[in-house]
């Protein structure tokens, strides 16, 4: 059962949600954007840490797609 969830949006782009499940430590990432799909189900101790990793991955993939 989901206890809490928080939308993760970077630079105006909805990337997914951080979800706190009952009985689970940390926040699990549910990826909704292809650029961060590799992080789907990643677990971090808190939302801030998870959001930083998602933002970093999103921005790296955005730069890579512009260079292609």
Protein backbone atom coordinates (compact mmCIF):
# COMPACT_ATOMS: atom_id res chain seq x y z
CA UNK A 1 0.00 0.00 0.00
CA UNK A 2 1.26 3.49 -0.87
CA UNK A 3 1.74 5.72 2.16
CA UNK A 4 2.83 8.89 0.35
CA UNK A 5 3.88 10.01 -3.11
CA UNK A 6 5.55 13.11 -4.50
CA UNK A 7 5.77 14.18 -8.13
CA UNK A 8 9.29 14.69 -9.48
CA UNK A 9 9.36 17.41 -12.11
CA UNK A 10 12.59 18.88 -13.44
CA UNK A 11 12.77 21.97 -15.67
CA UNK A 12 8.98 21.77 -16.18
CA UNK A 13 9.06 18.13 -17.33
CA UNK A 14 7.15 15.47 -15.36
CA UNK A 15 9.59 12.59 -14.90
CA UNK A 16 7.82 10.36 -12.40
CA UNK A 17 6.99 10.02 -8.73
CA UNK A 18 8.73 9.17 -5.47
CA UNK A 19 6.61 6.63 -3.62
CA UNK A 20 6.79 5.62 0.04
CA UNK A 21 5.36 2.12 0.42
CA UNK A 22 4.11 0.71 3.71
CA UNK A 23 6.81 -1.35 5.38
CA UNK A 24 9.53 -0.14 3.02
CA UNK A 25 12.43 2.10 4.01
CA UNK A 26 13.27 4.90 1.61
CA UNK A 27 11.56 6.29 -1.45
CA UNK A 28 11.00 4.23 -4.61
CA UNK A 29 11.04 5.98 -8.00
CA UNK A 30 8.31 5.30 -10.53
CA UNK A 31 9.64 6.52 -13.89
CA UNK A 32 7.16 8.09 -16.31
CA UNK A 33 9.63 9.63 -18.76
CA UNK A 34 11.82 7.61 -21.11
CA UNK A 35 14.98 9.60 -20.28
CA UNK A 36 14.95 8.31 -16.67
CA UNK A 37 13.58 4.81 -17.31
CA UNK A 38 16.87 3.28 -16.09
CA UNK A 39 16.05 4.58 -12.58
CA UNK A 40 12.60 2.94 -12.44
CA UNK A 41 12.21 1.25 -9.04
CA UNK A 42 15.44 2.79 -7.69
CA UNK A 43 15.26 3.30 -3.92
CA UNK A 44 16.92 6.16 -2.05
CA UNK A 45 16.70 7.11 1.65
CA UNK A 46 14.77 10.34 0.99
CA UNK A 47 12.98 12.32 -1.72
CA UNK A 48 15.71 14.96 -2.02
CA UNK A 49 18.39 12.37 -2.77
CA UNK A 50 16.13 10.60 -5.26
CA UNK A 51 15.20 13.87 -7.00
CA UNK A 52 18.88 14.83 -7.34
CA UNK A 53 19.70 11.53 -9.03
CA UNK A 54 16.67 11.79 -11.34
CA UNK A 55 17.58 15.39 -12.27
CA UNK A 56 21.18 14.45 -12.99
CA UNK A 57 20.15 11.52 -15.21
CA UNK A 58 17.53 13.60 -17.01
CA UNK A 59 19.94 16.44 -17.74
CA UNK A 60 22.72 14.08 -18.88
CA UNK A 61 20.34 12.29 -21.25
CA UNK A 62 18.97 15.60 -22.55
CA UNK A 63 22.48 16.86 -23.35
CA UNK A 64 23.33 13.53 -25.02
CA UNK A 65 20.19 13.67 -27.17
CA UNK A 66 21.04 17.24 -28.31
CA UNK A 67 24.54 16.12 -29.28
CA UNK A 68 23.24 13.21 -31.40
